[in-house]
């Protein structure tokens, strides 16, 4: 479980936008970025190379 104080200071390294916890990922809140960073053993992996790109919405 990530500490709330840590979540308050973490930002996306790609665009510097706020990230929020969604399941086992930290998700960038910038709609143009949207990278999803994994959390392994309660440690956020804030490396752009490790991030997943946002899923395209195929229903549009």
N, C-alpha and C. Protein backbone atom coordinates (compact mmCIF):
# COMPACT_ATOMS: atom_id res chain seq x y z
N UNK A 1 0.83 -1.18 0.00
CA UNK A 1 0.00 0.00 0.00
C UNK A 1 0.88 1.24 0.00
N UNK A 2 0.61 2.15 -0.92
CA UNK A 2 1.40 3.37 -1.00
C UNK A 2 0.91 4.40 0.01
N UNK A 3 1.86 5.09 0.59
CA UNK A 3 1.56 6.13 1.57
C UNK A 3 0.89 7.32 0.88
N UNK A 4 -0.11 7.91 1.52
CA UNK A 4 -0.84 9.04 0.95
C UNK A 4 0.08 10.24 0.72
N UNK A 5 1.06 10.44 1.60
CA UNK A 5 2.00 11.56 1.43
C UNK A 5 2.84 11.38 0.17
N UNK A 6 3.21 10.13 -0.11
CA UNK A 6 3.98 9.84 -1.32
C UNK A 6 3.13 10.12 -2.56
N UNK A 7 1.88 9.68 -2.53
CA UNK A 7 0.99 9.92 -3.67
C UNK A 7 0.80 11.41 -3.94
N UNK A 8 0.81 12.22 -2.89
CA UNK A 8 0.63 13.66 -3.05
C UNK A 8 1.78 14.32 -3.80
N UNK A 9 2.99 13.75 -3.70
CA UNK A 9 4.14 14.40 -4.33
C UNK A 9 4.55 13.77 -5.67
N UNK A 10 4.06 12.58 -5.96
CA UNK A 10 4.45 11.93 -7.22
C UNK A 10 3.80 12.60 -8.41
N UNK A 11 4.57 12.76 -9.47
CA UNK A 11 4.06 13.29 -10.74
C UNK A 11 4.59 12.42 -11.87
N UNK A 12 3.94 12.50 -13.00
CA UNK A 12 4.38 11.76 -14.19
C UNK A 12 5.72 12.32 -14.65
N UNK A 13 6.73 11.48 -14.81
CA UNK A 13 8.03 11.99 -15.27
C UNK A 13 8.02 12.45 -16.73
N UNK A 14 7.03 12.05 -17.50
CA UNK A 14 6.97 12.45 -18.91
C UNK A 14 6.41 13.85 -19.08
N UNK A 15 5.36 14.19 -18.30
CA UNK A 15 4.69 15.48 -18.51
C UNK A 15 4.54 16.31 -17.25
N UNK A 16 4.89 15.76 -16.10
CA UNK A 16 4.84 16.43 -14.80
C UNK A 16 3.42 16.63 -14.26
N UNK A 17 2.45 15.91 -14.80
CA UNK A 17 1.07 15.98 -14.31
C UNK A 17 0.90 15.07 -13.10
N UNK A 18 -0.15 15.30 -12.34
CA UNK A 18 -0.48 14.49 -11.16
C UNK A 18 -0.78 13.05 -11.60
N UNK A 19 -0.44 12.10 -10.73
CA UNK A 19 -0.80 10.71 -10.96
C UNK A 19 -1.73 10.26 -9.85
N UNK A 20 -2.61 9.32 -10.16
CA UNK A 20 -3.53 8.77 -9.17
C UNK A 20 -3.42 7.25 -9.19
N UNK A 21 -3.71 6.66 -8.05
CA UNK A 21 -3.66 5.22 -7.92
C UNK A 21 -4.92 4.60 -8.48
N UNK A 22 -4.75 3.68 -9.43
CA UNK A 22 -5.86 2.92 -10.00
C UNK A 22 -5.46 1.45 -10.00
N UNK A 23 -5.96 0.72 -9.04
CA UNK A 23 -5.60 -0.69 -8.91
C UNK A 23 -4.13 -0.84 -8.56
N UNK A 24 -3.37 -1.51 -9.40
CA UNK A 24 -1.94 -1.71 -9.16
C UNK A 24 -1.09 -0.84 -10.08
N UNK A 25 -1.62 0.31 -10.45
CA UNK A 25 -0.92 1.23 -11.35
C UNK A 25 -1.11 2.66 -10.86
N UNK A 26 -0.13 3.51 -11.20
CA UNK A 26 -0.29 4.95 -11.04
C UNK A 26 -0.56 5.50 -12.44
N UNK A 27 -1.63 6.25 -12.57
CA UNK A 27 -2.07 6.71 -13.89
C UNK A 27 -1.95 8.23 -13.97
N UNK A 28 -1.29 8.69 -15.02
CA UNK A 28 -1.13 10.12 -15.28
C UNK A 28 -2.49 10.71 -15.63
N UNK A 29 -2.80 11.86 -15.04
CA UNK A 29 -4.10 12.50 -15.25
C UNK A 29 -4.14 13.45 -16.43
N UNK A 30 -3.03 13.61 -17.13
CA UNK A 30 -2.99 14.44 -18.33
C UNK A 30 -3.59 13.63 -19.48
N UNK A 31 -4.71 14.10 -20.08
CA UNK A 31 -5.34 13.32 -21.16
C UNK A 31 -4.44 13.10 -22.38
N UNK A 32 -3.51 14.01 -22.64
CA UNK A 32 -2.60 13.83 -23.78
C UNK A 32 -1.49 12.82 -23.48
N UNK A 33 -1.23 12.55 -22.21
CA UNK A 33 -0.17 11.62 -21.82
C UNK A 33 -0.79 10.29 -21.40
N UNK A 34 -1.37 10.24 -20.21
CA UNK A 34 -2.09 9.06 -19.74
C UNK A 34 -1.26 7.83 -19.46
N UNK A 35 0.06 7.97 -19.32
CA UNK A 35 0.90 6.80 -19.06
C UNK A 35 0.51 6.14 -17.74
N UNK A 36 0.68 4.81 -17.70
CA UNK A 36 0.31 4.01 -16.53
C UNK A 36 1.58 3.35 -16.01
N UNK A 37 1.96 3.70 -14.78
CA UNK A 37 3.20 3.21 -14.17
C UNK A 37 2.91 2.06 -13.22
N UNK A 38 3.66 0.96 -13.35
CA UNK A 38 3.42 -0.20 -12.48
C UNK A 38 3.91 0.04 -11.06
N UNK A 39 3.35 -0.72 -10.13
CA UNK A 39 3.80 -0.75 -8.74
C UNK A 39 4.22 -2.18 -8.46
N UNK A 40 5.48 -2.35 -8.05
CA UNK A 40 6.00 -3.69 -7.76
C UNK A 40 6.50 -3.72 -6.32
N UNK A 41 6.03 -4.66 -5.55
CA UNK A 41 6.42 -4.80 -4.14
C UNK A 41 6.25 -3.48 -3.39
N UNK A 42 5.12 -2.80 -3.64
CA UNK A 42 4.78 -1.52 -3.01
C UNK A 42 5.72 -0.38 -3.39
N UNK A 43 6.46 -0.53 -4.50
CA UNK A 43 7.36 0.52 -4.97
C UNK A 43 6.88 0.98 -6.35
N UNK A 44 6.52 2.27 -6.49
CA UNK A 44 6.11 2.76 -7.81
C UNK A 44 7.32 2.83 -8.75
N UNK A 45 7.17 2.27 -9.92
CA UNK A 45 8.23 2.26 -10.93
C UNK A 45 7.95 3.43 -11.88
N UNK A 46 8.54 4.58 -11.58
CA UNK A 46 8.25 5.81 -12.30
C UNK A 46 9.25 6.03 -13.44
N UNK A 47 9.43 5.01 -14.25
CA UNK A 47 10.32 5.09 -15.41
C UNK A 47 9.46 5.09 -16.68
N UNK A 48 9.70 6.04 -17.55
CA UNK A 48 8.92 6.15 -18.77
C UNK A 48 9.02 4.86 -19.59
N UNK A 49 10.20 4.24 -19.61
CA UNK A 49 10.39 3.00 -20.36
C UNK A 49 9.56 1.84 -19.80
N UNK A 50 9.20 1.89 -18.53
CA UNK A 50 8.41 0.83 -17.90
C UNK A 50 6.90 1.10 -17.97
N UNK A 51 6.51 2.30 -18.35
CA UNK A 51 5.10 2.69 -18.35
C UNK A 51 4.35 2.08 -19.52
N UNK A 52 3.05 1.87 -19.30
CA UNK A 52 2.17 1.41 -20.37
C UNK A 52 1.49 2.62 -20.97
N UNK A 53 1.34 2.61 -22.28
CA UNK A 53 0.61 3.68 -22.95
C UNK A 53 -0.88 3.50 -22.71
N UNK A 54 -1.65 4.59 -22.75
CA UNK A 54 -3.10 4.46 -22.54
C UNK A 54 -3.73 3.63 -23.63
N UNK A 55 -4.79 2.93 -23.26
CA UNK A 55 -5.52 2.11 -24.23
C UNK A 55 -6.39 3.00 -25.08
N UNK A 56 -6.41 2.72 -26.35
CA UNK A 56 -7.27 3.46 -27.27
C UNK A 56 -8.71 3.00 -27.06
N UNK A 57 -9.64 3.94 -27.11
CA UNK A 57 -11.05 3.61 -26.99
C UNK A 57 -11.57 3.23 -28.37
N UNK A 58 -11.78 1.94 -28.60
CA UNK A 58 -12.18 1.44 -29.92
C UNK A 58 -13.66 1.63 -30.19
N UNK A 59 -14.43 2.10 -29.20
CA UNK A 59 -15.87 2.27 -29.39
C UNK A 59 -16.23 3.57 -30.10
N UNK A 60 -15.23 4.43 -30.34
CA UNK A 60 -15.50 5.72 -30.99
C UNK A 60 -15.33 5.63 -32.48
